[in-house]
Amino acid sequence: MEQQPTTARAALKWGAISGIGSMIFSTLIYVTGQVTNPGLAWLGIIIPILAMVMAMKEFRTQNGGFMSYGQGLGIGTLLSGIGGFLAGVYNYIYNEFVDPTLRQQILDKTREDLENRGMDDAQIDAAIEMSAKFSTPGITFALGIFMAILMGFIISLIVSAIMKKDKPFDFE
């Protein structure tokens, strides 16, 4: 008896792959000293998008060539949550135990950027103080998971619309 494919199975598999891919990408960013490069950070979004496409394609193939919009949306959102959780755990461990100076490097880069914008010292200090409050490891971890799910949901809206293929109605 053949098992019916489930959206959760596809999301778990490809969410783990996405999380591991994000860990590898993060490691490359960290060891090359490019952690303050915003362009490379945005490049990292390609990993979950590719995983999402592959998960939906795999599910659709296993489901007789069909996938509803809702199934695709569920796959993409769950996949993003799993990948975001794994990447968040990795980043937490890396930032707390492997390179605890990373947070300060980011704050220093933020200070430099604000100085280049012409802000005075009082404004910069206030902005840095606020940024430091919201960049604690726990908040960064929770916010990272939330943002992964939110961005994953938004991207899933688009990818699901492209990848869906509804079963035709049988009027017999």
C-alpha atoms as a PDB file:
ATOM      1  CA  MET A   1       0.000   0.000   0.000  1.00  0.00           C
ATOM      2  CA  GLU A   2       1.472   3.303  -1.124  1.00  0.00           C
ATOM      3  CA  GLN A   3       1.596   6.135   1.420  1.00  0.00           C
ATOM      4  CA  GLN A   4      -0.181   9.352   0.577  1.00  0.00           C
ATOM      5  CA  PRO A   5       2.281  12.287   0.477  1.00  0.00           C
ATOM      6  CA  THR A   6       1.825  14.921   3.167  1.00  0.00           C
ATOM      7  CA  THR A   7       2.688  18.589   3.115  1.00  0.00           C
ATOM      8  CA  ALA A   8       4.315  18.249   6.554  1.00  0.00           C
ATOM      9  CA  ARG A   9       6.730  15.563   5.341  1.00  0.00           C
ATOM     10  CA  ALA A  10       7.882  17.728   2.423  1.00  0.00           C
ATOM     11  CA  ALA A  11       8.149  20.801   4.656  1.00  0.00           C
ATOM     12  CA  LEU A  12      10.168  18.951   7.313  1.00  0.00           C
ATOM     13  CA  LYS A  13      12.628  17.517   4.819  1.00  0.00           C
ATOM     14  CA  TRP A  14      13.177  20.720   2.873  1.00  0.00           C
ATOM     15  CA  GLY A  15      13.012  22.891   5.998  1.00  0.00           C
ATOM     16  CA  ALA A  16      15.939  20.918   7.414  1.00  0.00           C
ATOM     17  CA  ILE A  17      17.808  21.266   4.122  1.00  0.00           C
ATOM     18  CA  SER A  18      17.075  25.006   4.094  1.00  0.00           C
ATOM     19  CA  GLY A  19      18.250  25.382   7.694  1.00  0.00           C
ATOM     20  CA  ILE A  20      21.481  23.505   7.017  1.00  0.00           C
ATOM     21  CA  GLY A  21      22.056  25.534   3.850  1.00  0.00           C
ATOM     22  CA  SER A  22      21.518  28.732   5.827  1.00  0.00           C
ATOM     23  CA  MET A  23      23.989  27.540   8.467  1.00  0.00           C
ATOM     24  CA  ILE A  24      26.629  26.934   5.810  1.00  0.00           C
ATOM     25  CA  PHE A  25      25.929  30.327   4.219  1.00  0.00           C
ATOM     26  CA  SER A  26      26.133  32.051   7.628  1.00  0.00           C
ATOM     27  CA  THR A  27      29.418  30.332   8.376  1.00  0.00           C
ATOM     28  CA  LEU A  28      30.844  31.584   5.077  1.00  0.00           C
ATOM     29  CA  ILE A  29      29.665  35.123   5.898  1.00  0.00           C
ATOM     30  CA  TYR A  30      31.195  34.927   9.380  1.00  0.00           C
ATOM     31  CA  VAL A  31      34.589  33.493   8.424  1.00  0.00           C
ATOM     32  CA  THR A  32      35.035  35.893   5.495  1.00  0.00           C
ATOM     33  CA  GLY A  33      34.285  38.885   7.736  1.00  0.00           C
ATOM     34  CA  GLN A  34      31.305  39.955   5.628  1.00  0.00           C
ATOM     35  CA  VAL A  35      28.770  39.980   8.453  1.00  0.00           C
ATOM     36  CA  THR A  36      28.179  43.729   8.036  1.00  0.00           C
ATOM     37  CA  ASN A  37      27.636  43.458   4.270  1.00  0.00           C
ATOM     38  CA  PRO A  38      23.864  43.921   3.769  1.00  0.00           C
ATOM     39  CA  GLY A  39      23.975  42.764   0.143  1.00  0.00           C
ATOM     40  CA  LEU A  40      25.256  39.342   1.122  1.00  0.00           C
ATOM     41  CA  ALA A  41      22.650  39.060   3.857  1.00  0.00           C
ATOM     42  CA  TRP A  42      19.903  39.545   1.265  1.00  0.00           C
ATOM     43  CA  LEU A  43      21.587  36.971  -0.954  1.00  0.00           C
ATOM     44  CA  GLY A  44      20.894  34.415   1.790  1.00  0.00           C
ATOM     45  CA  ILE A  45      17.157  34.558   0.977  1.00  0.00           C
ATOM     46  CA  ILE A  46      17.866  32.471  -2.125  1.00  0.00           C
ATOM     47  CA  ILE A  47      18.409  29.343  -0.003  1.00  0.00           C
ATOM     48  CA  PRO A  48      14.878  29.157   1.474  1.00  0.00           C
ATOM     49  CA  ILE A  49      13.317  30.151  -1.855  1.00  0.00           C
ATOM     50  CA  LEU A  50      15.091  27.294  -3.640  1.00  0.00           C
ATOM     51  CA  ALA A  51      14.139  24.880  -0.855  1.00  0.00           C
ATOM     52  CA  MET A  52      10.530  26.045  -1.122  1.00  0.00           C
ATOM     53  CA  VAL A  53      10.425  25.465  -4.875  1.00  0.00           C
ATOM     54  CA  MET A  54      12.023  22.035  -4.502  1.00  0.00           C
ATOM     55  CA  ALA A  55       9.648  21.021  -1.681  1.00  0.00           C
ATOM     56  CA  MET A  56       6.576  22.044  -3.649  1.00  0.00           C
ATOM     57  CA  LYS A  57       7.872  20.363  -6.780  1.00  0.00           C
ATOM     58  CA  GLU A  58       8.567  17.144  -4.862  1.00  0.00           C
ATOM     59  CA  PHE A  59       5.156  17.187  -3.176  1.00  0.00           C
ATOM     60  CA  ARG A  60       3.389  17.876  -6.461  1.00  0.00           C
ATOM     61  CA  THR A  61       5.229  14.974  -8.140  1.00  0.00           C
ATOM     62  CA  GLN A  62       4.371  12.580  -5.301  1.00  0.00           C
ATOM     63  CA  ASN A  63       0.761  13.785  -5.338  1.00  0.00           C
ATOM     64  CA  GLY A  64       0.063  12.729  -8.901  1.00  0.00           C
ATOM     65  CA  GLY A  65       1.186  16.030 -10.420  1.00  0.00           C
ATOM     66  CA  PHE A  66      -1.221  18.153  -8.373  1.00  0.00           C
ATOM     67  CA  MET A  67      -0.850  20.660  -5.553  1.00  0.00           C
ATOM     68  CA  SER A  68      -3.431  23.160  -4.373  1.00  0.00           C
ATOM     69  CA  TYR A  69      -2.571  26.751  -3.512  1.00  0.00           C
ATOM     70  CA  GLY A  70      -3.251  26.066   0.170  1.00  0.00           C
ATOM     71  CA  GLN A  71      -1.008  23.014   0.204  1.00  0.00           C
ATOM     72  CA  GLY A  72       1.819  25.047  -1.307  1.00  0.00           C
ATOM     73  CA  LEU A  73       1.269  27.848   1.167  1.00  0.00           C
ATOM     74  CA  GLY A  74       1.383  25.373   4.047  1.00  0.00           C
ATOM     75  CA  ILE A  75       4.557  23.734   2.765  1.00  0.00           C
ATOM     76  CA  GLY A  76       6.338  27.045   2.299  1.00  0.00           C
ATOM     77  CA  THR A  77       5.325  28.524   5.643  1.00  0.00           C
ATOM     78  CA  LEU A  78       6.163  25.407   7.677  1.00  0.00           C
ATOM     79  CA  LEU A  79       9.421  24.945   5.776  1.00  0.00           C
ATOM     80  CA  SER A  80      10.369  28.556   6.592  1.00  0.00           C
ATOM     81  CA  GLY A  81       9.612  28.085  10.273  1.00  0.00           C
ATOM     82  CA  ILE A  82      11.731  24.939  10.478  1.00  0.00           C
ATOM     83  CA  GLY A  83      14.594  26.446   8.510  1.00  0.00           C
ATOM     84  CA  GLY A  84      14.392  29.670  10.540  1.00  0.00           C
ATOM     85  CA  PHE A  85      14.441  27.737  13.812  1.00  0.00           C
ATOM     86  CA  LEU A  86      17.511  25.700  12.810  1.00  0.00           C
ATOM     87  CA  ALA A  87      19.353  28.768  11.513  1.00  0.00           C
ATOM     88  CA  GLY A  88      18.367  30.669  14.656  1.00  0.00           C
ATOM     89  CA  VAL A  89      19.754  27.986  16.956  1.00  0.00           C
ATOM     90  CA  TYR A  90      22.968  27.920  14.948  1.00  0.00           C
ATOM     91  CA  ASN A  91      23.337  31.714  14.984  1.00  0.00           C
ATOM     92  CA  TYR A  92      22.635  31.832  18.712  1.00  0.00           C
ATOM     93  CA  ILE A  93      25.340  29.243  19.420  1.00  0.00           C
ATOM     94  CA  TYR A  94      27.785  30.935  17.055  1.00  0.00           C
ATOM     95  CA  ASN A  95      27.212  34.423  18.475  1.00  0.00           C
ATOM     96  CA  GLU A  96      27.286  33.320  22.106  1.00  0.00           C
ATOM     97  CA  PHE A  97      30.083  30.769  22.138  1.00  0.00           C
ATOM     98  CA  VAL A  98      32.148  30.823  18.932  1.00  0.00           C
ATOM     99  CA  ASP A  99      32.442  34.582  18.276  1.00  0.00           C
ATOM    100  CA  PRO A 100      30.894  36.740  21.010  1.00  0.00           C
ATOM    101  CA  THR A 101      32.450  39.871  19.420  1.00  0.00           C
ATOM    102  CA  LEU A 102      30.114  39.651  16.437  1.00  0.00           C
ATOM    103  CA  ARG A 103      27.361  41.673  18.114  1.00  0.00           C
ATOM    104  CA  GLN A 104      29.810  44.488  18.882  1.00  0.00           C
ATOM    105  CA  GLN A 105      31.095  44.449  15.287  1.00  0.00           C
ATOM    106  CA  ILE A 106      27.548  45.004  14.057  1.00  0.00           C
ATOM    107  CA  LEU A 107      26.960  47.834  16.543  1.00  0.00           C
ATOM    108  CA  ASP A 108      30.248  49.465  15.476  1.00  0.00           C
ATOM    109  CA  LYS A 109      29.199  49.259  11.818  1.00  0.00           C
ATOM    110  CA  THR A 110      25.830  50.777  12.726  1.00  0.00           C
ATOM    111  CA  ARG A 111      27.614  53.663  14.510  1.00  0.00           C
ATOM    112  CA  GLU A 112      29.824  54.233  11.468  1.00  0.00           C
ATOM    113  CA  ASP A 113      26.812  54.270   9.119  1.00  0.00           C
ATOM    114  CA  LEU A 114      24.965  56.757  11.341  1.00  0.00           C
ATOM    115  CA  GLU A 115      28.042  59.015  11.505  1.00  0.00           C
ATOM    116  CA  ASN A 116      28.263  58.930   7.702  1.00  0.00           C
ATOM    117  CA  ARG A 117      24.635  60.118   7.550  1.00  0.00           C
ATOM    118  CA  GLY A 118      25.617  63.202   9.536  1.00  0.00           C
ATOM    119  CA  MET A 119      23.840  62.392  12.789  1.00  0.00           C
ATOM    120  CA  ASP A 120      25.186  64.018  15.962  1.00  0.00           C
ATOM    121  CA  ASP A 121      26.657  62.010  18.845  1.00  0.00           C
ATOM    122  CA  ALA A 122      23.526  62.218  21.029  1.00  0.00           C
ATOM    123  CA  GLN A 123      21.307  60.831  18.255  1.00  0.00           C
ATOM    124  CA  ILE A 124      23.827  58.114  17.473  1.00  0.00           C
ATOM    125  CA  ASP A 125      24.143  57.097  21.122  1.00  0.00           C
ATOM    126  CA  ALA A 126      20.355  56.914  21.468  1.00  0.00           C
ATOM    127  CA  ALA A 127      20.050  54.804  18.298  1.00  0.00           C
ATOM    128  CA  ILE A 128      22.876  52.473  19.364  1.00  0.00           C
ATOM    129  CA  GLU A 129      21.386  52.082  22.848  1.00  0.00           C
ATOM    130  CA  MET A 130      18.001  51.165  21.363  1.00  0.00           C
ATOM    131  CA  SER A 131      19.640  48.793  18.883  1.00  0.00           C
ATOM    132  CA  ALA A 132      21.625  47.106  21.670  1.00  0.00           C
ATOM    133  CA  LYS A 133      18.430  46.470  23.642  1.00  0.00           C
ATOM    134  CA  PHE A 134      16.865  44.660  20.702  1.00  0.00           C
ATOM    135  CA  SER A 135      19.971  42.706  19.721  1.00  0.00           C
ATOM    136  CA  THR A 136      20.241  40.518  22.789  1.00  0.00           C
ATOM    137  CA  PRO A 137      20.645  36.826  21.942  1.00  0.00           C
ATOM    138  CA  GLY A 138      17.138  35.847  23.061  1.00  0.00           C
ATOM    139  CA  ILE A 139      15.381  38.653  21.222  1.00  0.00           C
ATOM    140  CA  THR A 140      17.506  38.087  18.118  1.00  0.00           C
ATOM    141  CA  PHE A 141      16.608  34.380  18.182  1.00  0.00           C
ATOM    142  CA  ALA A 142      12.853  34.977  18.604  1.00  0.00           C
ATOM    143  CA  LEU A 143      12.790  37.806  16.078  1.00  0.00           C
ATOM    144  CA  GLY A 144      14.745  35.668  13.603  1.00  0.00           C
ATOM    145  CA  ILE A 145      12.194  32.859  13.774  1.00  0.00           C
ATOM    146  CA  PHE A 146       9.284  35.295  13.511  1.00  0.00           C
ATOM    147  CA  MET A 147      10.838  37.029  10.490  1.00  0.00           C
ATOM    148  CA  ALA A 148      11.631  33.686   8.827  1.00  0.00           C
ATOM    149  CA  ILE A 149       7.990  32.631   9.148  1.00  0.00           C
ATOM    150  CA  LEU A 150       6.671  36.023   8.011  1.00  0.00           C
ATOM    151  CA  MET A 151       9.003  36.248   5.009  1.00  0.00           C
ATOM    152  CA  GLY A 152       8.395  32.579   4.232  1.00  0.00           C
ATOM    153  CA  PHE A 153       4.639  33.149   4.256  1.00  0.00           C
ATOM    154  CA  ILE A 154       4.952  36.138   1.916  1.00  0.00           C
ATOM    155  CA  ILE A 155       7.270  34.292  -0.457  1.00  0.00           C
ATOM    156  CA  SER A 156       5.009  31.215  -0.270  1.00  0.00           C
ATOM    157  CA  LEU A 157       2.089  33.319  -1.469  1.00  0.00           C
ATOM    158  CA  ILE A 158       3.987  33.944  -4.686  1.00  0.00           C
ATOM    159  CA  VAL A 159       5.715  30.572  -5.139  1.00  0.00           C
ATOM    160  CA  SER A 160       2.496  28.650  -4.404  1.00  0.00           C
ATOM    161  CA  ALA A 161       0.609  30.662  -7.003  1.00  0.00           C
ATOM    162  CA  ILE A 162       3.243  29.767  -9.586  1.00  0.00           C
ATOM    163  CA  MET A 163       3.649  26.097  -8.599  1.00  0.00           C
ATOM    164  CA  LYS A 164       0.011  25.118  -7.960  1.00  0.00           C
ATOM    165  CA  LYS A 165      -1.771  22.710 -10.228  1.00  0.00           C
ATOM    166  CA  ASP A 166      -5.307  21.856  -9.223  1.00  0.00           C
ATOM    167  CA  LYS A 167      -6.923  18.528  -9.998  1.00  0.00           C
ATOM    168  CA  PRO A 168      -9.494  18.833 -12.732  1.00  0.00           C
ATOM    169  CA  PHE A 169     -13.073  18.286 -11.739  1.00  0.00           C
ATOM    170  CA  ASP A 170     -14.621  15.006 -12.862  1.00  0.00           C
ATOM    171  CA  PHE A 171     -18.265  15.641 -13.774  1.00  0.00           C
ATOM    172  CA  GLU A 172     -19.172  12.036 -14.542  1.00  0.00           C
END
